[in-house]
Amino acid sequence: MRVTTLLSIVGSAFLFTSSLQAADPASPSADNSAVNKEKEMNPVHQSNAEADVKVTTDIRKAIVADKNLSTYAHNVKIITTDKQTVYLRGVVSSKEEKAAIEEMAKKHAGDYPVKNELSIKK
């Protein structure tokens, strides 16, 4: 009897908190893949070449290490294509964040050009 009651309480609490999270329109969705366009540069275009993966990894580490950046900035897409270009895609909170991320990317991109396609949250 006690186990059934406890499970019922835990289940109710889970459903309640889940409904609160879903109902909060101010919370941004963690999954923005629906906004990706098929012909635009997306993570599926990331090269698996060792040098390209290293560039992407180094840029990601630099961005995540900067605790002054917003969650939006920490989640930008970084796509390095076949030793050609580093693309920055996604949404950031300000023009300062956009510039900071571009600088970090350029610092770690070596000879790869950086194409900054970040947009600023409205």
PDB file of N, CA and C in Angstrom:
ATOM      1  N   MET A   1       0.816  -1.187   0.000  1.00  0.00           N
ATOM      2  CA  MET A   1       0.000   0.000   0.000  1.00  0.00           C
ATOM      3  C   MET A   1       0.864   1.256   0.000  1.00  0.00           C
ATOM      4  N   ARG A   2       1.904   1.269   0.846  1.00  0.00           N
ATOM      5  CA  ARG A   2       2.767   2.447   0.912  1.00  0.00           C
ATOM      6  C   ARG A   2       3.510   2.670  -0.395  1.00  0.00           C
ATOM      7  N   VAL A   3       3.976   1.593  -1.020  1.00  0.00           N
ATOM      8  CA  VAL A   3       4.696   1.706  -2.282  1.00  0.00           C
ATOM      9  C   VAL A   3       3.775   2.272  -3.356  1.00  0.00           C
ATOM     10  N   THR A   4       2.561   1.815  -3.435  1.00  0.00           N
ATOM     11  CA  THR A   4       1.604   2.305  -4.418  1.00  0.00           C
ATOM     12  C   THR A   4       1.324   3.783  -4.211  1.00  0.00           C
ATOM     13  N   THR A   5       1.142   4.197  -2.977  1.00  0.00           N
ATOM     14  CA  THR A   5       0.887   5.602  -2.669  1.00  0.00           C
ATOM     15  C   THR A   5       2.097   6.455  -3.044  1.00  0.00           C
ATOM     16  N   LEU A   6       3.276   5.980  -2.686  1.00  0.00           N
ATOM     17  CA  LEU A   6       4.499   6.710  -3.013  1.00  0.00           C
ATOM     18  C   LEU A   6       4.655   6.855  -4.519  1.00  0.00           C
ATOM     19  N   LEU A   7       4.435   5.789  -5.270  1.00  0.00           N
ATOM     20  CA  LEU A   7       4.535   5.846  -6.728  1.00  0.00           C
ATOM     21  C   LEU A   7       3.509   6.808  -7.308  1.00  0.00           C
ATOM     22  N   SER A   8       2.339   6.825  -6.745  1.00  0.00           N
ATOM     23  CA  SER A   8       1.298   7.735  -7.202  1.00  0.00           C
ATOM     24  C   SER A   8       1.700   9.190  -6.968  1.00  0.00           C
ATOM     25  N   ILE A   9       2.266   9.476  -5.811  1.00  0.00           N
ATOM     26  CA  ILE A   9       2.701  10.844  -5.488  1.00  0.00           C
ATOM     27  C   ILE A   9       3.846  11.262  -6.417  1.00  0.00           C
ATOM     28  N   VAL A  10       4.829  10.398  -6.604  1.00  0.00           N
ATOM     29  CA  VAL A  10       5.962  10.710  -7.475  1.00  0.00           C
ATOM     30  C   VAL A  10       5.481  10.922  -8.909  1.00  0.00           C
ATOM     31  N   GLY A  11       4.602  10.081  -9.382  1.00  0.00           N
ATOM     32  CA  GLY A  11       4.068  10.221 -10.741  1.00  0.00           C
ATOM     33  C   GLY A  11       3.311  11.527 -10.913  1.00  0.00           C
ATOM     34  N   SER A  12       2.508  11.890  -9.935  1.00  0.00           N
ATOM     35  CA  SER A  12       1.757  13.147 -10.000  1.00  0.00           C
ATOM     36  C   SER A  12       2.687  14.341 -10.015  1.00  0.00           C
ATOM     37  N   ALA A  13       3.730  14.309  -9.184  1.00  0.00           N
ATOM     38  CA  ALA A  13       4.692  15.408  -9.137  1.00  0.00           C
ATOM     39  C   ALA A  13       5.404  15.551 -10.482  1.00  0.00           C
ATOM     40  N   PHE A  14       5.766  14.414 -11.094  1.00  0.00           N
ATOM     41  CA  PHE A  14       6.433  14.448 -12.392  1.00  0.00           C
ATOM     42  C   PHE A  14       5.532  15.070 -13.452  1.00  0.00           C
ATOM     43  N   LEU A  15       4.287  14.636 -13.497  1.00  0.00           N
ATOM     44  CA  LEU A  15       3.345  15.181 -14.476  1.00  0.00           C
ATOM     45  C   LEU A  15       3.118  16.672 -14.258  1.00  0.00           C
ATOM     46  N   PHE A  16       3.037  17.089 -13.011  1.00  0.00           N
ATOM     47  CA  PHE A  16       2.823  18.497 -12.702  1.00  0.00           C
ATOM     48  C   PHE A  16       4.006  19.342 -13.180  1.00  0.00           C
ATOM     49  N   THR A  17       5.232  18.926 -12.870  1.00  0.00           N
ATOM     50  CA  THR A  17       6.402  19.703 -13.280  1.00  0.00           C
ATOM     51  C   THR A  17       6.574  19.666 -14.792  1.00  0.00           C
ATOM     52  N   SER A  18       6.248  18.559 -15.407  1.00  0.00           N
ATOM     53  CA  SER A  18       6.343  18.478 -16.868  1.00  0.00           C
ATOM     54  C   SER A  18       5.372  19.437 -17.530  1.00  0.00           C
ATOM     55  N   SER A  19       4.164  19.541 -16.995  1.00  0.00           N
ATOM     56  CA  SER A  19       3.179  20.445 -17.577  1.00  0.00           C
ATOM     57  C   SER A  19       3.580  21.894 -17.360  1.00  0.00           C
ATOM     58  N   LEU A  20       4.240  22.209 -16.256  1.00  0.00           N
ATOM     59  CA  LEU A  20       4.710  23.568 -16.014  1.00  0.00           C
ATOM     60  C   LEU A  20       5.773  23.960 -17.021  1.00  0.00           C
ATOM     61  N   GLN A  21       6.697  23.052 -17.294  1.00  0.00           N
ATOM     62  CA  GLN A  21       7.756  23.344 -18.240  1.00  0.00           C
ATOM     63  C   GLN A  21       7.201  23.526 -19.642  1.00  0.00           C
ATOM     64  N   ALA A  22       6.254  22.714 -20.026  1.00  0.00           N
ATOM     65  CA  ALA A  22       5.691  22.806 -21.375  1.00  0.00           C
ATOM     66  C   ALA A  22       4.855  24.060 -21.546  1.00  0.00           C
ATOM     67  N   ALA A  23       4.253  24.549 -20.471  1.00  0.00           N
ATOM     68  CA  ALA A  23       3.352  25.683 -20.569  1.00  0.00           C
ATOM     69  C   ALA A  23       4.070  27.021 -20.510  1.00  0.00           C
ATOM     70  N   ASP A  24       5.367  27.042 -20.188  1.00  0.00           N
ATOM     71  CA  ASP A  24       6.089  28.293 -20.039  1.00  0.00           C
ATOM     72  C   ASP A  24       6.588  28.780 -21.398  1.00  0.00           C
ATOM     73  N   PRO A  25       5.908  29.766 -22.012  1.00  0.00           N
ATOM     74  CA  PRO A  25       6.316  30.231 -23.339  1.00  0.00           C
ATOM     75  C   PRO A  25       7.633  31.007 -23.305  1.00  0.00           C
ATOM     76  N   ALA A  26       8.065  31.454 -22.120  1.00  0.00           N
ATOM     77  CA  ALA A  26       9.314  32.201 -22.027  1.00  0.00           C
ATOM     78  C   ALA A  26      10.532  31.290 -22.130  1.00  0.00           C
ATOM     79  N   SER A  27      10.355  30.001 -21.877  1.00  0.00           N
ATOM     80  CA  SER A  27      11.471  29.059 -21.961  1.00  0.00           C
ATOM     81  C   SER A  27      11.733  28.719 -23.421  1.00  0.00           C
ATOM     82  N   PRO A  28      12.968  28.974 -23.894  1.00  0.00           N
ATOM     83  CA  PRO A  28      13.263  28.631 -25.282  1.00  0.00           C
ATOM     84  C   PRO A  28      13.371  27.121 -25.455  1.00  0.00           C
ATOM     85  N   SER A  29      12.982  26.665 -26.600  1.00  0.00           N
ATOM     86  CA  SER A  29      13.069  25.242 -26.893  1.00  0.00           C
ATOM     87  C   SER A  29      14.538  24.845 -27.049  1.00  0.00           C
ATOM     88  N   ALA A  30      14.909  23.743 -26.463  1.00  0.00           N
ATOM     89  CA  ALA A  30      16.286  23.266 -26.579  1.00  0.00           C
ATOM     90  C   ALA A  30      16.541  22.702 -27.969  1.00  0.00           C
ATOM     91  N   ASP A  31      15.498  22.267 -28.631  1.00  0.00           N
ATOM     92  CA  ASP A  31      15.634  21.671 -29.951  1.00  0.00           C
ATOM     93  C   ASP A  31      15.118  22.653 -30.989  1.00  0.00           C
ATOM     94  N   ASN A  32      16.034  23.289 -31.702  1.00  0.00           N
ATOM     95  CA  ASN A  32      15.616  24.224 -32.736  1.00  0.00           C
ATOM     96  C   ASN A  32      15.851  23.648 -34.129  1.00  0.00           C
ATOM     97  N   SER A  33      15.908  22.324 -34.228  1.00  0.00           N
ATOM     98  CA  SER A  33      16.185  21.695 -35.512  1.00  0.00           C
ATOM     99  C   SER A  33      15.089  21.951 -36.540  1.00  0.00           C
ATOM    100  N   ALA A  34      13.892  22.307 -36.078  1.00  0.00           N
ATOM    101  CA  ALA A  34      12.798  22.576 -37.013  1.00  0.00           C
ATOM    102  C   ALA A  34      13.078  23.810 -37.861  1.00  0.00           C
ATOM    103  N   VAL A  35      13.946  24.708 -37.382  1.00  0.00           N
ATOM    104  CA  VAL A  35      14.233  25.910 -38.149  1.00  0.00           C
ATOM    105  C   VAL A  35      15.340  25.686 -39.176  1.00  0.00           C
ATOM    106  N   ASN A  36      15.989  24.528 -39.136  1.00  0.00           N
ATOM    107  CA  ASN A  36      17.032  24.231 -40.109  1.00  0.00           C
ATOM    108  C   ASN A  36      16.410  24.037 -41.490  1.00  0.00           C
ATOM    109  N   LYS A  37      17.030  24.628 -42.472  1.00  0.00           N
ATOM    110  CA  LYS A  37      16.585  24.469 -43.848  1.00  0.00           C
ATOM    111  C   LYS A  37      17.497  23.449 -44.516  1.00  0.00           C
ATOM    112  N   GLU A  38      16.903  22.603 -45.340  1.00  0.00           N
ATOM    113  CA  GLU A  38      17.652  21.491 -45.929  1.00  0.00           C
ATOM    114  C   GLU A  38      18.862  21.950 -46.732  1.00  0.00           C
ATOM    115  N   LYS A  39      18.759  23.041 -47.468  1.00  0.00           N
ATOM    116  CA  LYS A  39      19.844  23.469 -48.339  1.00  0.00           C
ATOM    117  C   LYS A  39      20.845  24.384 -47.637  1.00  0.00           C
ATOM    118  N   GLU A  40      20.529  24.816 -46.421  1.00  0.00           N
ATOM    119  CA  GLU A  40      21.446  25.659 -45.672  1.00  0.00           C
ATOM    120  C   GLU A  40      22.484  24.799 -44.971  1.00  0.00           C
ATOM    121  N   MET A  41      23.567  25.421 -44.555  1.00  0.00           N
ATOM    122  CA  MET A  41      24.625  24.720 -43.850  1.00  0.00           C
ATOM    123  C   MET A  41      24.104  24.273 -42.490  1.00  0.00           C
ATOM    124  N   ASN A  42      24.159  22.980 -42.229  1.00  0.00           N
ATOM    125  CA  ASN A  42      23.671  22.381 -40.990  1.00  0.00           C
ATOM    126  C   ASN A  42      24.733  21.433 -40.442  1.00  0.00           C
ATOM    127  N   PRO A  43      24.565  20.992 -39.194  1.00  0.00           N
ATOM    128  CA  PRO A  43      25.547  20.072 -38.610  1.00  0.00           C
ATOM    129  C   PRO A  43      25.795  18.803 -39.422  1.00  0.00           C
ATOM    130  N   VAL A  44      24.840  18.392 -40.233  1.00  0.00           N
ATOM    131  CA  VAL A  44      25.067  17.193 -41.050  1.00  0.00           C
ATOM    132  C   VAL A  44      26.170  17.425 -42.084  1.00  0.00           C
ATOM    133  N   HIS A  45      26.518  18.689 -42.337  1.00  0.00           N
ATOM    134  CA  HIS A  45      27.571  19.020 -43.285  1.00  0.00           C
ATOM    135  C   HIS A  45      28.956  19.021 -42.640  1.00  0.00           C
ATOM    136  N   GLN A  46      29.032  18.785 -41.338  1.00  0.00           N
ATOM    137  CA  GLN A  46      30.317  18.749 -40.642  1.00  0.00           C
ATOM    138  C   GLN A  46      31.193  17.654 -41.232  1.00  0.00           C
ATOM    139  N   SER A  47      32.399  18.012 -41.589  1.00  0.00           N
ATOM    140  CA  SER A  47      33.356  17.046 -42.114  1.00  0.00           C
ATOM    141  C   SER A  47      33.870  16.160 -40.984  1.00  0.00           C
ATOM    142  N   ASN A  48      34.171  14.915 -41.299  1.00  0.00           N
ATOM    143  CA  ASN A  48      34.744  13.989 -40.329  1.00  0.00           C
ATOM    144  C   ASN A  48      36.263  13.924 -40.417  1.00  0.00           C
ATOM    145  N   ALA A  49      36.851  14.752 -41.266  1.00  0.00           N
ATOM    146  CA  ALA A  49      38.308  14.787 -41.356  1.00  0.00           C
ATOM    147  C   ALA A  49      38.868  15.225 -40.008  1.00  0.00           C
ATOM    148  N   GLU A  50      39.949  14.614 -39.588  1.00  0.00           N
ATOM    149  CA  GLU A  50      40.514  14.870 -38.265  1.00  0.00           C
ATOM    150  C   GLU A  50      40.791  16.356 -38.022  1.00  0.00           C
ATOM    151  N   ALA A  51      41.355  17.037 -39.007  1.00  0.00           N
ATOM    152  CA  ALA A  51      41.668  18.461 -38.855  1.00  0.00           C
ATOM    153  C   ALA A  51      40.393  19.295 -38.681  1.00  0.00           C
ATOM    154  N   ASP A  52      39.346  18.951 -39.419  1.00  0.00           N
ATOM    155  CA  ASP A  52      38.090  19.694 -39.332  1.00  0.00           C
ATOM    156  C   ASP A  52      37.412  19.479 -37.983  1.00  0.00           C
ATOM    157  N   VAL A  53      37.423  18.254 -37.504  1.00  0.00           N
ATOM    158  CA  VAL A  53      36.827  17.949 -36.199  1.00  0.00           C
ATOM    159  C   VAL A  53      37.594  18.677 -35.100  1.00  0.00           C
ATOM    160  N   LYS A  54      38.927  18.740 -35.224  1.00  0.00           N
ATOM    161  CA  LYS A  54      39.730  19.444 -34.220  1.00  0.00           C
ATOM    162  C   LYS A  54      39.390  20.933 -34.188  1.00  0.00           C
ATOM    163  N   VAL A  55      39.256  21.553 -35.340  1.00  0.00           N
ATOM    164  CA  VAL A  55      38.897  22.974 -35.399  1.00  0.00           C
ATOM    165  C   VAL A  55      37.553  23.193 -34.714  1.00  0.00           C
ATOM    166  N   THR A  56      36.563  22.388 -35.062  1.00  0.00           N
ATOM    167  CA  THR A  56      35.233  22.517 -34.465  1.00  0.00           C
ATOM    168  C   THR A  56      35.295  22.317 -32.953  1.00  0.00           C
ATOM    169  N   THR A  57      36.027  21.301 -32.515  1.00  0.00           N
ATOM    170  CA  THR A  57      36.153  21.004 -31.084  1.00  0.00           C
ATOM    171  C   THR A  57      36.836  22.145 -30.339  1.00  0.00           C
ATOM    172  N   ASP A  58      37.900  22.679 -30.899  1.00  0.00           N
ATOM    173  CA  ASP A  58      38.625  23.769 -30.242  1.00  0.00           C
ATOM    174  C   ASP A  58      37.753  25.017 -30.101  1.00  0.00           C
ATOM    175  N   ILE A  59      36.986  25.315 -31.135  1.00  0.00           N
ATOM    176  CA  ILE A  59      36.080  26.478 -31.068  1.00  0.00           C
ATOM    177  C   ILE A  59      35.001  26.233 -30.021  1.00  0.00           C
ATOM    178  N   ARG A  60      34.407  25.047 -30.023  1.00  0.00           N
ATOM    179  CA  ARG A  60      33.349  24.721 -29.051  1.00  0.00           C
ATOM    180  C   ARG A  60      33.876  24.836 -27.619  1.00  0.00           C
ATOM    181  N   LYS A  61      35.063  24.310 -27.367  1.00  0.00           N
ATOM    182  CA  LYS A  61      35.651  24.386 -26.024  1.00  0.00           C
ATOM    183  C   LYS A  61      35.844  25.836 -25.587  1.00  0.00           C
ATOM    184  N   ALA A  62      36.312  26.675 -26.487  1.00  0.00           N
ATOM    185  CA  ALA A  62      36.529  28.089 -26.155  1.00  0.00           C
ATOM    186  C   ALA A  62      35.208  28.780 -25.828  1.00  0.00           C
ATOM    187  N   ILE A  63      34.181  28.490 -26.591  1.00  0.00           N
ATOM    188  CA  ILE A  63      32.875  29.116 -26.364  1.00  0.00           C
ATOM    189  C   ILE A  63      32.291  28.661 -25.034  1.00  0.00           C
ATOM    190  N   VAL A  64      32.313  27.375 -24.779  1.00  0.00           N
ATOM    191  CA  VAL A  64      31.728  26.839 -23.548  1.00  0.00           C
ATOM    192  C   VAL A  64      32.512  27.303 -22.320  1.00  0.00           C
ATOM    193  N   ALA A  65      33.818  27.490 -22.463  1.00  0.00           N
ATOM    194  CA  ALA A  65      34.645  27.923 -21.329  1.00  0.00           C
ATOM    195  C   ALA A  65      34.356  29.368 -20.918  1.00  0.00           C
ATOM    196  N   ASP A  66      33.797  30.155 -21.824  1.00  0.00           N
ATOM    197  CA  ASP A  66      33.502  31.558 -21.513  1.00  0.00           C
ATOM    198  C   ASP A  66      32.160  31.647 -20.796  1.00  0.00           C
ATOM    199  N   LYS A  67      32.213  31.744 -19.492  1.00  0.00           N
ATOM    200  CA  LYS A  67      30.995  31.756 -18.664  1.00  0.00           C
ATOM    201  C   LYS A  67      30.233  33.085 -18.750  1.00  0.00           C
ATOM    202  N   ASN A  68      30.794  34.079 -19.439  1.00  0.00           N
ATOM    203  CA  ASN A  68      30.093  35.354 -19.623  1.00  0.00           C
ATOM    204  C   ASN A  68      29.084  35.282 -20.769  1.00  0.00           C
ATOM    205  N   LEU A  69      29.175  34.233 -21.574  1.00  0.00           N
ATOM    206  CA  LEU A  69      28.257  34.083 -22.702  1.00  0.00           C
ATOM    207  C   LEU A  69      26.945  33.456 -22.237  1.00  0.00           C
ATOM    208  N   SER A  70      25.883  33.766 -22.958  1.00  0.00           N
ATOM    209  CA  SER A  70      24.557  33.236 -22.630  1.00  0.00           C
ATOM    210  C   SER A  70      24.442  31.767 -23.046  1.00  0.00           C
ATOM    211  N   THR A  71      23.365  31.147 -22.599  1.00  0.00           N
ATOM    212  CA  THR A  71      23.080  29.775 -23.000  1.00  0.00           C
ATOM    213  C   THR A  71      22.895  29.704 -24.511  1.00  0.00           C
ATOM    214  N   TYR A  72      22.270  30.724 -25.074  1.00  0.00           N
ATOM    215  CA  TYR A  72      22.125  30.760 -26.537  1.00  0.00           C
ATOM    216  C   TYR A  72      23.500  30.669 -27.199  1.00  0.00           C
ATOM    217  N   ALA A  73      24.444  31.468 -26.729  1.00  0.00           N
ATOM    218  CA  ALA A  73      25.781  31.495 -27.319  1.00  0.00           C
ATOM    219  C   ALA A  73      26.488  30.155 -27.155  1.00  0.00           C
ATOM    220  N   HIS A  74      26.308  29.543 -25.984  1.00  0.00           N
ATOM    221  CA  HIS A  74      26.954  28.250 -25.744  1.00  0.00           C
ATOM    222  C   HIS A  74      26.420  27.159 -26.668  1.00  0.00           C
ATOM    223  N   ASN A  75      25.263  27.389 -27.262  1.00  0.00           N
ATOM    224  CA  ASN A  75      24.630  26.363 -28.095  1.00  0.00           C
ATOM    225  C   ASN A  75      24.645  26.670 -29.592  1.00  0.00           C
ATOM    226  N   VAL A  76      25.481  27.595 -30.029  1.00  0.00           N
ATOM    227  CA  VAL A  76      25.535  27.877 -31.465  1.00  0.00           C
ATOM    228  C   VAL A  76      26.070  26.661 -32.213  1.00  0.00           C
ATOM    229  N   LYS A  77      25.715  26.585 -33.470  1.00  0.00           N
ATOM    230  CA  LYS A  77      26.202  25.498 -34.320  1.00  0.00           C
ATOM    231  C   LYS A  77      27.539  25.923 -34.913  1.00  0.00           C
ATOM    232  N   ILE A  78      28.501  25.026 -34.865  1.00  0.00           N
ATOM    233  CA  ILE A  78      29.810  25.248 -35.472  1.00  0.00           C
ATOM    234  C   ILE A  78      30.009  24.125 -36.474  1.00  0.00           C
ATOM    235  N   ILE A  79      30.159  24.483 -37.734  1.00  0.00           N
ATOM    236  CA  ILE A  79      30.260  23.485 -38.795  1.00  0.00           C
ATOM    237  C   ILE A  79      31.523  23.768 -39.604  1.00  0.00           C
ATOM    238  N   THR A  80      32.414  22.812 -39.639  1.00  0.00           N
ATOM    239  CA  THR A  80      33.649  22.950 -40.406  1.00  0.00           C
ATOM    240  C   THR A  80      33.570  21.987 -41.582  1.00  0.00           C
ATOM    241  N   THR A  81      33.700  22.535 -42.783  1.00  0.00           N
ATOM    242  CA  THR A  81      33.476  21.734 -43.984  1.00  0.00           C
ATOM    243  C   THR A  81      34.757  21.480 -44.764  1.00  0.00           C
ATOM    244  N   ASP A  82      35.095  20.250 -44.929  1.00  0.00           N
ATOM    245  CA  ASP A  82      36.160  19.780 -45.815  1.00  0.00           C
ATOM    246  C   ASP A  82      37.345  20.732 -45.976  1.00  0.00           C
ATOM    247  N   LYS A  83      37.935  21.138 -44.880  1.00  0.00           N
ATOM    248  CA  LYS A  83      39.125  22.002 -44.879  1.00  0.00           C
ATOM    249  C   LYS A  83      38.896  23.292 -45.648  1.00  0.00           C
ATOM    250  N   GLN A  84      37.645  23.775 -45.639  1.00  0.00           N
ATOM    251  CA  GLN A  84      37.349  24.964 -46.427  1.00  0.00           C
ATOM    252  C   GLN A  84      36.865  26.140 -45.584  1.00  0.00           C
ATOM    253  N   THR A  85      35.816  25.934 -44.806  1.00  0.00           N
ATOM    254  CA  THR A  85      35.172  27.050 -44.122  1.00  0.00           C
ATOM    255  C   THR A  85      34.598  26.607 -42.789  1.00  0.00           C
ATOM    256  N   VAL A  86      34.622  27.525 -41.815  1.00  0.00           N
ATOM    257  CA  VAL A  86      33.942  27.323 -40.542  1.00  0.00           C
ATOM    258  C   VAL A  86      32.687  28.198 -40.575  1.00  0.00           C
ATOM    259  N   TYR A  87      31.540  27.570 -40.380  1.00  0.00           N
ATOM    260  CA  TYR A  87      30.268  28.287 -40.340  1.00  0.00           C
ATOM    261  C   TYR A  87      29.800  28.394 -38.892  1.00  0.00           C
ATOM    262  N   LEU A  88      29.341  29.570 -38.517  1.00  0.00           N
ATOM    263  CA  LEU A  88      28.734  29.800 -37.210  1.00  0.00           C
ATOM    264  C   LEU A  88      27.271  30.087 -37.445  1.00  0.00           C
ATOM    265  N   ARG A  89      26.382  29.281 -36.851  1.00  0.00           N
ATOM    266  CA  ARG A  89      24.954  29.430 -37.074  1.00  0.00           C
ATOM    267  C   ARG A  89      24.227  29.377 -35.749  1.00  0.00           C
ATOM    268  N   GLY A  90      23.111  30.048 -35.658  1.00  0.00           N
ATOM    269  CA  GLY A  90      22.290  30.010 -34.463  1.00  0.00           C
ATOM    270  C   GLY A  90      21.954  31.407 -33.979  1.00  0.00           C
ATOM    271  N   VAL A  91      21.493  31.465 -32.750  1.00  0.00           N
ATOM    272  CA  VAL A  91      21.023  32.717 -32.160  1.00  0.00           C
ATOM    273  C   VAL A  91      21.876  33.036 -30.946  1.00  0.00           C
ATOM    274  N   VAL A  92      22.233  34.319 -30.796  1.00  0.00           N
ATOM    275  CA  VAL A  92      22.945  34.802 -29.616  1.00  0.00           C
ATOM    276  C   VAL A  92      22.145  35.960 -29.023  1.00  0.00           C
ATOM    277  N   SER A  93      22.522  36.376 -27.818  1.00  0.00           N
ATOM    278  CA  SER A  93      21.749  37.393 -27.107  1.00  0.00           C
ATOM    279  C   SER A  93      22.077  38.825 -27.504  1.00  0.00           C
ATOM    280  N   SER A  94      23.266  39.065 -28.065  1.00  0.00           N
ATOM    281  CA  SER A  94      23.650  40.461 -28.365  1.00  0.00           C
ATOM    282  C   SER A  94      24.685  40.509 -29.479  1.00  0.00           C
ATOM    283  N   LYS A  95      24.891  41.721 -29.980  1.00  0.00           N
ATOM    284  CA  LYS A  95      25.919  41.898 -31.014  1.00  0.00           C
ATOM    285  C   LYS A  95      27.309  41.681 -30.430  1.00  0.00           C
ATOM    286  N   GLU A  96      27.474  41.933 -29.119  1.00  0.00           N
ATOM    287  CA  GLU A  96      28.755  41.683 -28.464  1.00  0.00           C
ATOM    288  C   GLU A  96      29.068  40.183 -28.426  1.00  0.00           C
ATOM    289  N   GLU A  97      28.056  39.379 -28.129  1.00  0.00           N
ATOM    290  CA  GLU A  97      28.247  37.922 -28.149  1.00  0.00           C
ATOM    291  C   GLU A  97      28.576  37.433 -29.558  1.00  0.00           C
ATOM    292  N   LYS A  98      27.889  37.983 -30.522  1.00  0.00           N
ATOM    293  CA  LYS A  98      28.129  37.595 -31.913  1.00  0.00           C
ATOM    294  C   LYS A  98      29.582  37.869 -32.286  1.00  0.00           C
ATOM    295  N   ALA A  99      30.075  39.036 -31.925  1.00  0.00           N
ATOM    296  CA  ALA A  99      31.460  39.403 -32.229  1.00  0.00           C
ATOM    297  C   ALA A  99      32.453  38.541 -31.437  1.00  0.00           C
ATOM    298  N   ALA A 100      32.138  38.275 -30.169  1.00  0.00           N
ATOM    299  CA  ALA A 100      33.036  37.472 -29.324  1.00  0.00           C
ATOM    300  C   ALA A 100      33.176  36.055 -29.875  1.00  0.00           C
ATOM    301  N   ILE A 101      32.081  35.470 -30.298  1.00  0.00           N
ATOM    302  CA  ILE A 101      32.121  34.110 -30.842  1.00  0.00           C
ATOM    303  C   ILE A 101      32.894  34.086 -32.157  1.00  0.00           C
ATOM    304  N   GLU A 102      32.693  35.093 -32.982  1.00  0.00           N
ATOM    305  CA  GLU A 102      33.438  35.152 -34.238  1.00  0.00           C
ATOM    306  C   GLU A 102      34.942  35.255 -33.958  1.00  0.00           C
ATOM    307  N   GLU A 103      35.340  36.063 -32.986  1.00  0.00           N
ATOM    308  CA  GLU A 103      36.756  36.193 -32.639  1.00  0.00           C
ATOM    309  C   GLU A 103      37.334  34.868 -32.140  1.00  0.00           C
ATOM    310  N   MET A 104      36.568  34.165 -31.290  1.00  0.00           N
ATOM    311  CA  MET A 104      37.029  32.859 -30.805  1.00  0.00           C
ATOM    312  C   MET A 104      37.203  31.896 -31.965  1.00  0.00           C
ATOM    313  N   ALA A 105      36.251  31.909 -32.876  1.00  0.00           N
ATOM    314  CA  ALA A 105      36.323  31.005 -34.031  1.00  0.00           C
ATOM    315  C   ALA A 105      37.540  31.320 -34.885  1.00  0.00           C
ATOM    316  N   LYS A 106      37.777  32.596 -35.148  1.00  0.00           N
ATOM    317  CA  LYS A 106      38.928  32.980 -35.969  1.00  0.00           C
ATOM    318  C   LYS A 106      40.239  32.586 -35.296  1.00  0.00           C
ATOM    319  N   LYS A 107      40.299  32.711 -33.980  1.00  0.00           N
ATOM    320  CA  LYS A 107      41.504  32.367 -33.227  1.00  0.00           C
ATOM    321  C   LYS A 107      41.843  30.881 -33.376  1.00  0.00           C
ATOM    322  N   HIS A 108      40.827  30.029 -33.416  1.00  0.00           N
ATOM    323  CA  HIS A 108      41.043  28.582 -33.463  1.00  0.00           C
ATOM    324  C   HIS A 108      40.909  27.982 -34.860  1.00  0.00           C
ATOM    325  N   ALA A 109      40.498  28.769 -35.840  1.00  0.00           N
ATOM    326  CA  ALA A 109      40.241  28.239 -37.177  1.00  0.00           C
ATOM    327  C   ALA A 109      41.488  28.110 -38.039  1.00  0.00           C
ATOM    328  N   GLY A 110      42.583  28.706 -37.604  1.00  0.00           N
ATOM    329  CA  GLY A 110      43.797  28.629 -38.422  1.00  0.00           C
ATOM    330  C   GLY A 110      43.594  29.324 -39.750  1.00  0.00           C
ATOM    331  N   ASP A 111      43.838  28.591 -40.836  1.00  0.00           N
ATOM    332  CA  ASP A 111      43.712  29.168 -42.182  1.00  0.00           C
ATOM    333  C   ASP A 111      42.290  29.122 -42.727  1.00  0.00           C
ATOM    334  N   TYR A 112      41.386  28.487 -42.001  1.00  0.00           N
ATOM    335  CA  TYR A 112      40.011  28.368 -42.487  1.00  0.00           C
ATOM    336  C   TYR A 112      39.308  29.717 -42.363  1.00  0.00           C
ATOM    337  N   PRO A 113      38.617  30.160 -43.398  1.00  0.00           N
ATOM    338  CA  PRO A 113      37.801  31.370 -43.239  1.00  0.00           C
ATOM    339  C   PRO A 113      36.590  31.072 -42.352  1.00  0.00           C
ATOM    340  N   VAL A 114      36.120  32.082 -41.634  1.00  0.00           N
ATOM    341  CA  VAL A 114      34.963  31.939 -40.749  1.00  0.00           C
ATOM    342  C   VAL A 114      33.805  32.716 -41.343  1.00  0.00           C
ATOM    343  N   LYS A 115      32.689  32.042 -41.509  1.00  0.00           N
ATOM    344  CA  LYS A 115      31.476  32.677 -42.027  1.00  0.00           C
ATOM    345  C   LYS A 115      30.494  32.791 -40.870  1.00  0.00           C
ATOM    346  N   ASN A 116      30.287  34.015 -40.382  1.00  0.00           N
ATOM    347  CA  ASN A 116      29.435  34.273 -39.232  1.00  0.00           C
ATOM    348  C   ASN A 116      27.996  34.477 -39.691  1.00  0.00           C
ATOM    349  N   GLU A 117      27.159  33.470 -39.481  1.00  0.00           N
ATOM    350  CA  GLU A 117      25.741  33.537 -39.849  1.00  0.00           C
ATOM    351  C   GLU A 117      24.865  33.582 -38.589  1.00  0.00           C
ATOM    352  N   LEU A 118      25.449  34.061 -37.481  1.00  0.00           N
ATOM    353  CA  LEU A 118      24.697  34.153 -36.229  1.00  0.00           C
ATOM    354  C   LEU A 118      23.690  35.286 -36.306  1.00  0.00           C
ATOM    355  N   SER A 119      22.551  35.081 -35.668  1.00  0.00           N
ATOM    356  CA  SER A 119      21.564  36.149 -35.590  1.00  0.00           C
ATOM    357  C   SER A 119      21.383  36.521 -34.118  1.00  0.00           C
ATOM    358  N   ILE A 120      20.838  37.716 -33.893  1.00  0.00           N
ATOM    359  CA  ILE A 120      20.665  38.217 -32.531  1.00  0.00           C
ATOM    360  C   ILE A 120      19.225  38.048 -32.121  1.00  0.00           C
ATOM    361  N   LYS A 121      19.041  37.490 -30.921  1.00  0.00           N
ATOM    362  CA  LYS A 121      17.704  37.248 -30.370  1.00  0.00           C
ATOM    363  C   LYS A 121      16.962  38.578 -30.253  1.00  0.00           C
ATOM    364  N   LYS A 122      15.707  38.568 -30.667  1.00  0.00           N
ATOM    365  CA  LYS A 122      14.895  39.797 -30.613  1.00  0.00           C
ATOM    366  C   LYS A 122      14.046  39.820 -29.387  1.00  0.00           C
TER     367      LYS A 122
END
